[in-house]
Amino acid sequence: MITWKAYFNDHTLLRQFDADGNETPFSKVMEKVDDLKALSISLPGGYSYEVSLVDCSFTINGVQVYILDPTIYPPNKLTNIRPIYFRRCSANINIATNKSTSDTSVTFTAIGFQAIFEGCNIKRFLAVFDDGHIEVREVK
């Protein structure tokens, strides 16, 4: 199971599940989105992925990477930085038979950011698949 953690500027941490196993809805993160510093997800097996809403960098299993070239998109020129977080499941359907063409569906969790740069909305996220591999995605 993939779980999230939200880190805030006041050094507080909000986990998807508390110590008693009660789930915190993601809407609690969005209530404090203006104070959100970073968002991370963890997968079984120790994989971890984090997006910084301070400089729009990603940390993948402890290694910091920039998906946006900071010389082209300086972090101090990005405004209205917001998190991207969702889970997507999909299946291939044969339109003639209206049945799935395979027994498996593709599932990924998206973690990333959107921001405004010079009046344009930019979106970048990691599509993190259940087996731990990732794809970098850009939405235009």
C-alpha atoms as a PDB file:
ATOM      1  CA  MET A   1       0.000   0.000   0.000  1.00  0.00           C
ATOM      2  CA  ILE A   2       1.228   3.477  -0.894  1.00  0.00           C
ATOM      3  CA  THR A   3       0.959   6.037   1.900  1.00  0.00           C
ATOM      4  CA  TRP A   4       1.566   9.782   2.007  1.00  0.00           C
ATOM      5  CA  LYS A   5       3.123  12.239   4.457  1.00  0.00           C
ATOM      6  CA  ALA A   6       2.755  16.025   4.368  1.00  0.00           C
ATOM      7  CA  TYR A   7       5.426  18.328   5.788  1.00  0.00           C
ATOM      8  CA  PHE A   8       4.509  21.903   6.713  1.00  0.00           C
ATOM      9  CA  ASN A   9       6.530  25.095   7.153  1.00  0.00           C
ATOM     10  CA  ASP A  10       5.844  25.102  10.915  1.00  0.00           C
ATOM     11  CA  HIS A  11       7.731  21.751  11.131  1.00  0.00           C
ATOM     12  CA  THR A  12       4.542  19.720  11.674  1.00  0.00           C
ATOM     13  CA  LEU A  13       3.971  16.420   9.922  1.00  0.00           C
ATOM     14  CA  LEU A  14       0.642  14.935   8.872  1.00  0.00           C
ATOM     15  CA  ARG A  15       0.560  11.226   8.048  1.00  0.00           C
ATOM     16  CA  GLN A  16      -2.081   9.393   6.050  1.00  0.00           C
ATOM     17  CA  PHE A  17      -2.482   6.957   8.954  1.00  0.00           C
ATOM     18  CA  ASP A  18      -2.091   7.851  12.622  1.00  0.00           C
ATOM     19  CA  ALA A  19      -0.551   5.548  15.269  1.00  0.00           C
ATOM     20  CA  ASP A  20      -3.928   3.832  15.781  1.00  0.00           C
ATOM     21  CA  GLY A  21      -4.373   3.135  12.061  1.00  0.00           C
ATOM     22  CA  ASN A  22      -7.038   5.791  11.497  1.00  0.00           C
ATOM     23  CA  GLU A  23      -6.877   7.349   8.040  1.00  0.00           C
ATOM     24  CA  THR A  24      -6.512  11.101   7.647  1.00  0.00           C
ATOM     25  CA  PRO A  25      -8.294  12.400   4.541  1.00  0.00           C
ATOM     26  CA  PHE A  26      -6.092  14.239   2.045  1.00  0.00           C
ATOM     27  CA  SER A  27      -8.476  17.185   2.381  1.00  0.00           C
ATOM     28  CA  LYS A  28      -6.710  17.924   5.702  1.00  0.00           C
ATOM     29  CA  VAL A  29      -3.526  18.591   3.722  1.00  0.00           C
ATOM     30  CA  MET A  30      -5.379  20.835   1.309  1.00  0.00           C
ATOM     31  CA  GLU A  31      -6.810  22.854   4.210  1.00  0.00           C
ATOM     32  CA  LYS A  32      -3.206  23.921   4.969  1.00  0.00           C
ATOM     33  CA  VAL A  33      -1.893  23.903   1.398  1.00  0.00           C
ATOM     34  CA  ASP A  34      -0.477  27.435   1.690  1.00  0.00           C
ATOM     35  CA  ASP A  35       1.844  26.152   4.434  1.00  0.00           C
ATOM     36  CA  LEU A  36       2.744  22.864   2.707  1.00  0.00           C
ATOM     37  CA  LYS A  37       6.504  22.468   2.368  1.00  0.00           C
ATOM     38  CA  ALA A  38       6.745  18.958   0.898  1.00  0.00           C
ATOM     39  CA  LEU A  39       4.673  15.891   0.130  1.00  0.00           C
ATOM     40  CA  SER A  40       6.029  12.352   0.088  1.00  0.00           C
ATOM     41  CA  ILE A  41       4.790   8.871  -0.673  1.00  0.00           C
ATOM     42  CA  SER A  42       6.220   5.554   0.462  1.00  0.00           C
ATOM     43  CA  LEU A  43       5.806   2.146  -1.132  1.00  0.00           C
ATOM     44  CA  PRO A  44       6.300  -1.279   0.373  1.00  0.00           C
ATOM     45  CA  GLY A  45       9.910  -2.316  -0.047  1.00  0.00           C
ATOM     46  CA  GLY A  46      11.305   1.032   1.076  1.00  0.00           C
ATOM     47  CA  TYR A  47      10.801   3.113  -2.069  1.00  0.00           C
ATOM     48  CA  SER A  48      10.133   6.796  -1.325  1.00  0.00           C
ATOM     49  CA  TYR A  49       9.308   9.806  -3.496  1.00  0.00           C
ATOM     50  CA  GLU A  50       8.999  13.414  -2.358  1.00  0.00           C
ATOM     51  CA  VAL A  51       8.189  16.716  -4.021  1.00  0.00           C
ATOM     52  CA  SER A  52       9.338  20.002  -2.512  1.00  0.00           C
ATOM     53  CA  LEU A  53       6.878  22.847  -2.877  1.00  0.00           C
ATOM     54  CA  VAL A  54       9.676  25.256  -1.975  1.00  0.00           C
ATOM     55  CA  ASP A  55      11.938  24.686  -5.002  1.00  0.00           C
ATOM     56  CA  CYS A  56       9.937  22.131  -7.048  1.00  0.00           C
ATOM     57  CA  SER A  57      12.644  19.490  -6.726  1.00  0.00           C
ATOM     58  CA  PHE A  58      11.979  15.787  -6.259  1.00  0.00           C
ATOM     59  CA  THR A  59      13.738  13.387  -3.943  1.00  0.00           C
ATOM     60  CA  ILE A  60      13.701   9.826  -5.249  1.00  0.00           C
ATOM     61  CA  ASN A  61      14.911   7.237  -2.758  1.00  0.00           C
ATOM     62  CA  GLY A  62      17.081   9.870  -1.072  1.00  0.00           C
ATOM     63  CA  VAL A  63      18.480  11.461  -4.247  1.00  0.00           C
ATOM     64  CA  GLN A  64      17.403  15.033  -5.056  1.00  0.00           C
ATOM     65  CA  VAL A  65      16.619  15.721  -8.732  1.00  0.00           C
ATOM     66  CA  TYR A  66      15.160  18.627 -10.662  1.00  0.00           C
ATOM     67  CA  ILE A  67      12.659  17.834 -13.381  1.00  0.00           C
ATOM     68  CA  LEU A  68      12.528  21.513 -14.303  1.00  0.00           C
ATOM     69  CA  ASP A  69      15.864  22.983 -15.276  1.00  0.00           C
ATOM     70  CA  PRO A  70      16.419  25.595 -12.513  1.00  0.00           C
ATOM     71  CA  THR A  71      18.421  27.761 -14.927  1.00  0.00           C
ATOM     72  CA  ILE A  72      15.359  28.015 -17.196  1.00  0.00           C
ATOM     73  CA  TYR A  73      12.711  27.925 -14.449  1.00  0.00           C
ATOM     74  CA  PRO A  74      14.349  29.582 -11.412  1.00  0.00           C
ATOM     75  CA  PRO A  75      12.469  28.449  -8.265  1.00  0.00           C
ATOM     76  CA  ASN A  76      12.190  32.056  -7.080  1.00  0.00           C
ATOM     77  CA  LYS A  77      10.290  32.908 -10.310  1.00  0.00           C
ATOM     78  CA  LEU A  78       7.650  30.187  -9.781  1.00  0.00           C
ATOM     79  CA  THR A  79       4.450  31.363  -8.104  1.00  0.00           C
ATOM     80  CA  ASN A  80       1.264  29.729  -6.854  1.00  0.00           C
ATOM     81  CA  ILE A  81       3.003  26.359  -6.353  1.00  0.00           C
ATOM     82  CA  ARG A  82       0.475  23.619  -5.552  1.00  0.00           C
ATOM     83  CA  PRO A  83       0.764  19.873  -5.050  1.00  0.00           C
ATOM     84  CA  ILE A  84      -0.357  17.240  -7.505  1.00  0.00           C
ATOM     85  CA  TYR A  85      -1.438  14.008  -5.866  1.00  0.00           C
ATOM     86  CA  PHE A  86      -3.830  11.389  -7.212  1.00  0.00           C
ATOM     87  CA  ARG A  87      -4.128   7.664  -7.886  1.00  0.00           C
ATOM     88  CA  ARG A  88      -5.015   6.431 -11.356  1.00  0.00           C
ATOM     89  CA  CYS A  89      -6.221   3.006 -12.449  1.00  0.00           C
ATOM     90  CA  SER A  90      -6.815   2.141 -16.069  1.00  0.00           C
ATOM     91  CA  ALA A  91      -7.648  -0.861 -18.201  1.00  0.00           C
ATOM     92  CA  ASN A  92      -7.701  -1.487 -21.942  1.00  0.00           C
ATOM     93  CA  ILE A  93     -11.234  -2.039 -23.265  1.00  0.00           C
ATOM     94  CA  ASN A  94     -12.141  -3.573 -26.627  1.00  0.00           C
ATOM     95  CA  ILE A  95     -14.847  -1.245 -27.927  1.00  0.00           C
ATOM     96  CA  ALA A  96     -16.410  -3.967 -30.109  1.00  0.00           C
ATOM     97  CA  THR A  97     -16.891  -6.414 -27.238  1.00  0.00           C
ATOM     98  CA  ASN A  98     -17.021  -3.851 -24.405  1.00  0.00           C
ATOM     99  CA  LYS A  99     -14.686  -6.120 -22.442  1.00  0.00           C
ATOM    100  CA  SER A 100     -11.251  -5.677 -20.991  1.00  0.00           C
ATOM    101  CA  THR A 101      -8.481  -6.800 -23.318  1.00  0.00           C
ATOM    102  CA  SER A 102      -6.355  -8.026 -20.415  1.00  0.00           C
ATOM    103  CA  ASP A 103      -6.706  -9.319 -16.885  1.00  0.00           C
ATOM    104  CA  THR A 104      -4.554  -6.571 -15.453  1.00  0.00           C
ATOM    105  CA  SER A 105      -5.011  -2.870 -14.991  1.00  0.00           C
ATOM    106  CA  VAL A 106      -2.314  -0.234 -14.842  1.00  0.00           C
ATOM    107  CA  THR A 107      -2.188   1.623 -11.543  1.00  0.00           C
ATOM    108  CA  PHE A 108       0.014   4.536 -10.570  1.00  0.00           C
ATOM    109  CA  THR A 109       0.148   7.267  -7.966  1.00  0.00           C
ATOM    110  CA  ALA A 110       0.982  10.770  -9.155  1.00  0.00           C
ATOM    111  CA  ILE A 111       3.060  13.090  -6.976  1.00  0.00           C
ATOM    112  CA  GLY A 112       4.266  16.432  -8.213  1.00  0.00           C
ATOM    113  CA  PHE A 113       3.506  20.110  -8.525  1.00  0.00           C
ATOM    114  CA  GLN A 114       1.925  22.754 -10.655  1.00  0.00           C
ATOM    115  CA  ALA A 115       3.020  26.369 -10.675  1.00  0.00           C
ATOM    116  CA  ILE A 116       2.806  29.582 -12.609  1.00  0.00           C
ATOM    117  CA  PHE A 117       5.892  30.720 -14.570  1.00  0.00           C
ATOM    118  CA  GLU A 118       5.708  33.943 -16.556  1.00  0.00           C
ATOM    119  CA  GLY A 119       1.918  33.694 -16.724  1.00  0.00           C
ATOM    120  CA  CYS A 120       1.853  30.042 -17.854  1.00  0.00           C
ATOM    121  CA  ASN A 121       0.682  27.098 -15.755  1.00  0.00           C
ATOM    122  CA  ILE A 122       3.242  24.285 -15.710  1.00  0.00           C
ATOM    123  CA  LYS A 123       2.665  20.811 -14.268  1.00  0.00           C
ATOM    124  CA  ARG A 124       5.207  18.071 -13.618  1.00  0.00           C
ATOM    125  CA  PHE A 125       4.683  14.849 -11.730  1.00  0.00           C
ATOM    126  CA  LEU A 126       6.094  11.423 -11.192  1.00  0.00           C
ATOM    127  CA  ALA A 127       3.820   8.542 -12.131  1.00  0.00           C
ATOM    128  CA  VAL A 128       4.870   6.016  -9.472  1.00  0.00           C
ATOM    129  CA  PHE A 129       3.786   2.489 -10.324  1.00  0.00           C
ATOM    130  CA  ASP A 130       3.018  -0.140  -7.721  1.00  0.00           C
ATOM    131  CA  ASP A 131       6.246  -2.025  -8.544  1.00  0.00           C
ATOM    132  CA  GLY A 132       8.305   1.120  -7.807  1.00  0.00           C
ATOM    133  CA  HIS A 133       9.247   2.220 -11.323  1.00  0.00           C
ATOM    134  CA  ILE A 134       8.463   5.797 -12.287  1.00  0.00           C
ATOM    135  CA  GLU A 135       7.704   7.894 -15.331  1.00  0.00           C
ATOM    136  CA  VAL A 136       8.136  11.656 -15.441  1.00  0.00           C
ATOM    137  CA  ARG A 137       5.018  13.301 -16.825  1.00  0.00           C
ATOM    138  CA  GLU A 138       4.346  16.809 -18.034  1.00  0.00           C
ATOM    139  CA  VAL A 139       0.817  18.135 -18.478  1.00  0.00           C
ATOM    140  CA  LYS A 140       0.252  20.996 -20.898  1.00  0.00           C
END
